[in-house]
Each structure stands twice: as C-alpha cells, then as structure tokens.
Protein backbone atom coordinates (compact mmCIF):
# COMPACT_ATOMS: atom_id res chain seq x y z
CA UNK A 1 91.41 109.68 87.95
CA UNK A 2 89.37 111.12 90.26
CA UNK A 3 90.43 114.36 91.73
CA UNK A 4 88.90 116.67 94.26
CA UNK A 5 88.28 120.45 93.77
CA UNK A 6 91.46 122.43 93.99
CA UNK A 7 93.31 119.35 94.55
CA UNK A 8 96.99 119.61 96.41
CA UNK A 9 99.78 117.38 95.58
CA UNK A 10 103.41 117.65 97.09
CA UNK A 11 106.62 115.66 97.44
CA UNK A 12 107.96 114.73 101.20
CA UNK A 13 111.32 113.36 101.71
CA UNK A 14 111.57 110.90 104.09
CA UNK A 15 115.20 110.80 105.69
CA UNK A 16 116.99 109.51 108.63
CA UNK A 17 119.78 107.43 110.09
CA UNK A 18 119.59 103.48 109.32
CA UNK A 19 116.81 101.91 111.09
CA UNK A 20 115.13 105.14 112.51
CA UNK A 21 111.46 103.11 111.08
CA UNK A 22 111.45 105.30 107.91
CA UNK A 23 109.95 102.57 105.80
CA UNK A 24 107.31 101.48 108.59
CA UNK A 25 105.99 105.36 108.89
CA UNK A 26 105.69 105.45 105.11
CA UNK A 27 103.64 102.10 105.21
CA UNK A 28 101.44 103.81 107.90
CA UNK A 29 100.81 107.04 106.18
CA UNK A 30 100.09 105.30 103.01
CA UNK A 31 97.82 102.81 104.71
CA UNK A 32 98.80 99.61 103.21
CA UNK A 33 102.58 98.33 102.88
CA UNK A 34 104.63 99.62 100.01
CA UNK A 35 108.34 99.43 101.58
CA UNK A 36 110.10 96.17 103.21
CA UNK A 37 110.74 96.49 106.83
CA UNK A 38 113.16 94.41 109.00
CA UNK A 39 114.86 95.09 112.47
CA UNK A 40 118.18 95.71 110.29
CA UNK A 41 119.52 99.06 109.57
CA UNK A 42 120.03 99.55 106.16
CA UNK A 43 116.87 97.42 104.76
CA UNK A 44 115.96 100.04 102.31
CA UNK A 45 118.38 100.09 99.41
CA UNK A 46 116.79 102.57 96.93
CA UNK A 47 114.15 105.34 96.86
CA UNK A 48 110.66 103.97 96.67
CA UNK A 49 107.45 106.56 96.47
CA UNK A 50 104.46 105.51 98.71
CA UNK A 51 101.41 107.39 97.57
CA UNK A 52 98.94 108.62 100.35
CA UNK A 53 95.68 110.58 100.41
CA UNK A 54 94.88 113.16 102.95
CA UNK A 55 91.39 114.40 101.83
CA UNK A 56 92.07 116.46 98.76
CA UNK A 57 95.72 116.28 99.10
CA UNK A 58 98.27 113.74 97.45
CA UNK A 59 101.17 112.91 99.45
CA UNK A 60 104.49 111.38 97.52
CA UNK A 61 106.10 109.81 100.10
CA UNK A 62 109.81 109.29 98.94
CA UNK A 63 111.22 106.43 101.74
CA UNK A 64 115.31 106.93 101.19
CA UNK A 65 117.86 104.63 101.92
CA UNK A 66 119.13 105.39 105.72
CA UNK A 67 121.83 108.05 105.65
CA UNK A 68 125.24 106.59 106.99
CA UNK A 69 128.87 106.81 106.25
CA UNK A 70 129.39 104.67 103.36
CA UNK A 71 132.34 102.31 102.45
CA UNK A 72 131.36 99.68 99.67
CA UNK A 73 130.09 101.32 96.36
CA UNK A 74 126.62 99.85 97.09
CA UNK A 75 126.90 101.83 100.30
CA UNK A 76 127.66 105.17 98.28
CA UNK A 77 124.93 104.54 95.83
CA UNK A 78 122.24 104.09 98.75
CA UNK A 79 123.52 107.44 100.52
CA UNK A 80 123.39 109.10 97.06
CA UNK A 81 119.93 108.17 96.54
CA UNK A 82 119.07 109.28 100.16
CA UNK A 83 119.96 112.82 99.55
CA UNK A 84 118.93 112.97 95.66
CA UNK A 85 115.42 111.86 96.63
CA UNK A 86 115.32 115.07 98.88
CA UNK A 87 115.65 117.33 95.86
CA UNK A 88 112.80 119.40 95.17
CA UNK A 89 110.70 118.23 98.16
CA UNK A 90 108.10 120.11 99.20
CA UNK A 91 108.70 118.97 102.59
CA UNK A 92 111.57 117.09 104.38
CA UNK A 93 110.44 114.33 107.11
CA UNK A 94 113.34 113.64 109.19
CA UNK A 95 112.84 110.54 111.33
CA UNK A 96 114.45 109.95 114.54
CA UNK A 97 114.88 106.60 116.57
CA UNK A 98 113.40 108.43 119.86
CA UNK A 99 114.46 105.09 121.67
CA UNK A 100 118.20 105.39 121.03
CA UNK A 101 120.53 108.27 121.31
CA UNK A 102 121.47 110.97 119.25
CA UNK A 103 124.68 109.58 117.95
CA UNK A 104 127.13 111.13 115.39
CA UNK A 105 125.05 109.61 112.41
CA UNK A 106 121.77 111.84 113.48
CA UNK A 107 123.80 114.95 114.15
CA UNK A 108 125.48 114.52 110.89
CA UNK A 109 122.54 114.49 109.21
CA UNK A 110 121.19 117.54 110.90
CA UNK A 111 124.38 119.77 109.93
CA UNK A 112 123.60 119.04 106.53
CA UNK A 113 119.85 119.46 106.60
CA UNK A 114 120.87 122.78 107.86
CA UNK A 115 121.76 124.02 104.56
CA UNK A 116 118.69 123.01 102.55
CA UNK A 117 115.54 125.53 102.46
CA UNK A 118 112.99 123.03 102.23
CA UNK A 119 110.72 123.07 105.10
CA UNK A 120 111.86 120.50 108.17
CA UNK A 121 109.89 118.67 110.18
CA UNK A 122 111.18 116.69 112.91
CA UNK A 123 109.61 113.52 113.82
CA UNK A 124 110.54 111.59 116.95
CA UNK A 125 109.79 107.62 116.19
CA UNK A 126 108.95 104.53 118.52
CA UNK A 127 107.03 106.48 121.25
CA UNK A 128 105.60 103.49 122.74
CA UNK A 129 108.80 102.19 123.75
CA UNK A 130 111.06 105.33 124.31
CA UNK A 131 111.18 106.93 127.82
CA UNK A 132 109.29 110.15 127.59
CA UNK A 133 111.99 112.21 129.35
CA UNK A 134 114.26 111.02 126.76
CA UNK A 135 112.22 111.87 124.08
CA UNK A 136 111.30 115.18 125.19
CA UNK A 137 115.33 115.70 125.85
CA UNK A 138 115.84 114.92 122.35
CA UNK A 139 113.40 117.25 120.72
CA UNK A 140 115.10 120.10 122.55
CA UNK A 141 118.49 119.11 121.57
CA UNK A 142 117.75 118.83 118.14
CA UNK A 143 115.80 121.95 117.98
CA UNK A 144 118.65 123.81 119.21
CA UNK A 145 121.00 122.33 116.14
CA UNK A 146 118.21 123.19 113.71
CA UNK A 147 115.27 125.13 114.17
CA UNK A 148 112.88 122.51 112.81
CA UNK A 149 109.50 123.87 111.24
CA UNK A 150 107.37 121.53 113.31
CA UNK A 151 108.30 118.55 115.94
CA UNK A 152 105.67 115.18 116.22
CA UNK A 153 106.11 112.24 118.40
CA UNK A 154 104.73 109.26 116.53
CA UNK A 155 105.06 105.19 116.60
CA UNK A 156 105.29 104.04 113.12
CA UNK A 157 104.43 100.71 114.58
CA UNK A 158 101.14 101.64 116.74
CA UNK A 159 100.27 104.62 114.74
CA UNK A 160 99.92 107.04 117.67
CA UNK A 161 100.66 110.45 116.57
CA UNK A 162 100.45 109.59 112.64
CA UNK A 163 96.98 110.87 111.56
CA UNK A 164 98.06 114.00 113.41
CA UNK A 165 101.40 114.23 111.28
CA UNK A 166 99.61 113.68 108.21
CA UNK A 167 97.28 116.30 108.22
CA UNK A 168 100.18 118.24 109.03
CA UNK A 169 102.35 117.26 106.13
CA UNK A 170 98.94 117.64 103.59
CA UNK A 171 98.53 121.11 105.05
CA UNK A 172 101.87 121.89 103.74
CA UNK A 173 101.46 120.54 100.23
CA UNK A 174 100.88 123.20 97.19
CA UNK A 175 97.78 123.57 95.01
CA UNK A 176 98.00 121.22 91.82
CA UNK A 177 96.99 118.05 90.16
CA UNK A 178 97.53 114.55 91.42
CA UNK A 179 100.51 112.79 90.00
CA UNK A 180 98.87 109.36 90.11
CA UNK A 181 95.51 107.45 90.27
CA UNK A 182 93.89 107.53 93.64
CA UNK A 183 94.25 104.09 93.80
CA UNK A 184 97.76 103.60 93.20
CA UNK A 185 99.77 103.21 96.48
CA UNK A 186 103.42 103.34 95.12
CA UNK A 187 105.59 103.83 91.79
CA UNK A 188 107.40 100.38 92.31
CA UNK A 189 106.57 98.30 89.51
CA UNK A 190 105.09 94.43 90.54
CA UNK A 191 108.83 93.32 89.22
CA UNK A 192 110.23 95.33 91.54
CA UNK A 193 107.89 94.84 94.61
CA UNK A 194 108.30 90.93 94.00
CA UNK A 195 112.33 91.22 94.48
CA UNK A 196 111.86 93.21 97.67
CA UNK A 197 109.27 90.78 99.17
CA UNK A 198 111.77 88.17 98.99
CA UNK A 199 114.87 90.29 100.20
CA UNK A 200 112.77 91.15 103.06
CA UNK A 201 112.38 87.16 103.69
CA UNK A 202 116.09 86.67 103.21
CA UNK A 203 116.46 89.82 106.20
CA UNK A 204 113.94 88.16 108.32
CA UNK A 205 114.88 84.51 108.57
CA UNK A 206 118.44 84.52 107.93
CA UNK A 207 118.91 87.28 110.80
CA UNK A 208 123.06 88.06 111.55
CA UNK A 209 123.94 85.18 109.19
CA UNK A 210 123.54 87.05 106.38
CA UNK A 211 123.12 90.69 106.53
CA UNK A 212 124.13 92.86 103.61
CA UNK A 213 125.76 89.92 101.63
CA UNK A 214 122.77 89.26 99.25
CA UNK A 215 120.58 90.71 96.46
CA UNK A 216 117.37 89.38 94.77
CA UNK A 217 117.16 89.54 90.64
CA UNK A 218 113.55 89.06 89.27
CA UNK A 219 114.96 87.11 86.19
CA UNK A 220 111.18 86.34 84.85
CA UNK A 221 107.76 87.94 85.78
CA UNK A 222 104.65 86.99 83.62
CA UNK A 223 100.88 86.75 83.83
CA UNK A 224 99.52 82.97 83.20
CA UNK A 225 96.40 82.75 81.02
CA UNK A 226 94.56 81.71 84.09
CA UNK A 227 95.27 85.17 85.84
CA UNK A 228 97.79 83.69 88.20
CA UNK A 229 101.81 85.37 88.31
CA UNK A 230 104.83 83.15 87.39
CA UNK A 231 107.97 84.46 89.02
CA UNK A 232 111.54 83.37 88.67
CA UNK A 233 114.09 84.79 90.93
CA UNK A 234 117.95 84.65 91.77
CA UNK A 235 119.28 85.20 95.06
CA UNK A 236 122.71 86.46 94.52
CA UNK A 237 125.36 85.80 97.16
CA UNK A 238 129.33 86.73 97.25
CA UNK A 239 130.73 83.31 98.50
CA UNK A 240 129.77 79.71 98.62
CA UNK A 241 129.12 79.35 102.20
CA UNK A 242 126.59 82.13 102.15
CA UNK A 243 125.07 79.79 99.14
CA UNK A 244 124.69 76.96 101.70
CA UNK A 245 123.21 79.20 104.22
CA UNK A 246 120.14 80.37 102.10
CA UNK A 247 119.54 76.92 101.16
CA UNK A 248 119.83 75.22 104.39
CA UNK A 249 120.14 71.69 105.41
CA UNK A 250 118.45 70.02 102.55
CA UNK A 251 116.72 72.98 101.18
CA UNK A 252 114.66 73.80 104.14
CA UNK A 253 115.84 77.29 104.48
CA UNK A 254 115.20 78.56 100.94
CA UNK A 255 111.97 76.31 101.11
CA UNK A 256 110.85 78.11 103.86
CA UNK A 257 111.75 81.75 102.34
CA UNK A 258 109.73 80.82 99.18
CA UNK A 259 106.75 79.89 100.92
CA UNK A 260 106.51 83.13 103.22
CA UNK A 261 107.59 85.57 99.77
CA UNK A 262 104.98 83.53 97.77
CA UNK A 263 102.28 83.98 100.43
CA UNK A 264 103.03 87.83 101.09
CA UNK A 265 102.99 88.38 97.21
CA UNK A 266 99.79 86.60 96.71
CA UNK A 267 98.30 88.77 99.33
CA UNK A 268 99.75 92.06 98.07
CA UNK A 269 99.02 91.15 94.50
CA UNK A 270 95.43 89.52 95.20
CA UNK A 271 96.19 86.74 92.74
CA UNK A 272 97.91 83.12 92.79
CA UNK A 273 101.68 83.61 92.80
CA UNK A 274 103.86 80.81 91.37
CA UNK A 275 107.33 81.60 93.03
CA UNK A 276 110.63 79.88 91.85
CA UNK A 277 113.72 80.77 93.40
CA UNK A 278 117.54 79.70 93.15
CA UNK A 279 120.80 80.84 94.57
CA UNK A 280 123.57 81.96 92.58
CA UNK A 281 127.15 82.81 93.73
CA UNK A 282 128.24 85.97 92.01
CA UNK A 283 131.44 87.31 94.30
CA UNK A 284 131.43 90.58 91.80
CA UNK A 285 127.31 91.07 92.23
CA UNK A 286 128.00 94.61 93.70
CA UNK A 287 130.11 95.69 90.82
CA UNK A 288 127.61 95.16 88.26
CA UNK A 289 125.94 98.07 86.66
CA UNK A 290 122.85 96.50 85.37
CA UNK A 291 122.20 95.52 89.02
CA UNK A 292 122.02 99.05 90.13
CA UNK A 293 120.23 100.03 87.15
CA UNK A 294 117.59 97.62 87.75
CA UNK A 295 116.80 98.90 91.76
CA UNK A 296 116.85 102.17 90.72
CA UNK A 297 120.00 103.32 92.02
CA UNK A 298 123.12 105.28 90.25
CA UNK A 299 126.41 103.92 89.80
CA UNK A 300 128.74 105.90 92.17
CA UNK A 301 132.45 105.72 91.75
C-alpha cells in the first residue's frame, strides 16, 4: 500500500432523500462507477463504500439508501442502514435535489440531522438543470433550519463543483493511515457488484413495469482457467405476471438485460464475463433473512 507522508483518512456519510443523486455523486468523487444509478428513487438498497483519493487523503464515502417513510420490511431495513451508515462519520454530506422542492422528506432529515454532532455539509445537487434563484432559496431555507458547516452547489452528472467539494471534504479528514490500497475503489465484492449491475439493468429496461418488486441473487461466481468469469444469477420476483415481464416476448427482455449486464461487468472487471440469468417466482423473497444478509442489510422487525 502506497501512503503519503502524514496521510489522512476519514469516513463521510452521504445521506439524503431518494433520488437526490447520492450514488452519482459518489461515483464522480471516486472517479469511476462503484454504485448503480437510475432515474428511479430508492435504487440504492444497502450501504456501499466508495473509496476516493484527494492528495494525501483517502475518503471513505458511504453511499446510503435514500431516507424515506418506510412501509415494508425491506424499506425499514434500508432506512436503518442509511442512519447506521452515518454512525461514527467524520462528516455528513447531506445531498438535496436542487431542482425539486423542499418537501417533508427533506425537512424530516434535517430535523434528525440537527441532533447529530458530526460536521454537516449541505450539497445542493443538479445545478445543471435547476433554476438558480430556486437553488439559492433552498440553500437559505435549509440553513435557517440547520446551520450547516458549509454549503456547496454541484452537478453530480456533469462534475460542476465536485472538485471543490472533494477538496473541502479532504480538508476535514483526520490524520491517520489509509484503510485500503490506493487502487481499491469500493468495499463491494465482485459477487455483490455483479448482482447490483444486473439489478441496475432491471431498473433501466423495465421502467415503471417492475419498480421495486425484484431482487438479484448471485448463485455462482467463479473464475475459469482462461481468466474469464462465469456468473449465474437468479432474478427474484413476487408473482408470475412479473416473471413474464422480465422474460419479455420470446425471452427478448431477459436476453437484452443479460447482454447489457454482461457488457458492463466485462468493462468493470476487465475480463470476459459469461453471465447466465434465470427468473424465479418467490412471493416471500422480502421475508427471507438470508437475502438481507447477502446484500448487507440487517433484519428489521
């Protein structure tokens, strides 16, 4: 592991309401894709750490699920994971959709952040598509509710303002050894990342047809003698009608999901990937304790 003289390292919890752009921001700070993204809210289900370097500082960015009012067991586990991801952080980065309004989801998070002692940075995202007076109004209102240590205006999509944010985060990190090798960009295993990439394709290709009623389980992950990787995955759905949606006419949809996931995984891993998908109906998959364990969530009653 290569470390600079007097290295610094710290944990940053990236929190916010669903669809604020947290995962896109983490990817941009890291410099490559480590978290899946989609236009849908609640894409992130578990805590995922992106690892970024800024000069002599290693930034451990915890991309948390969006914080919302939970109804299902999976929802409750996701929200619990979000707040647990902020425990012990050296800074909390609160990401707000600068284009949207300051609804009850945002203000509820602010109220809870007010009770925390960690330094809190307000990040107004989507400046590339947001109205400037509206952005300034959001910043003023949020700082009235909670006196944030710093406020930033960024576009996680274009990168506008991200270098300044990254430098400010690094300046707040304590002195200490790096926790990971400098070429490591995430704490996710290849097995976990493979499942996430396929789940991302489900979101992108199925749109509103199958928003949150699916999961991906990597049953087999092995390296072949020729250096390629063989992956077998189950796409879990709750009803037979959902299975038909994923398969598509004549299996066309599942083939396209597989082709795009395979290409993305090959690009990320730098090796040839042999991906095999099949769809299984499991009405109770959200009540399976092993599922929560596999994706890094705690079982929440």
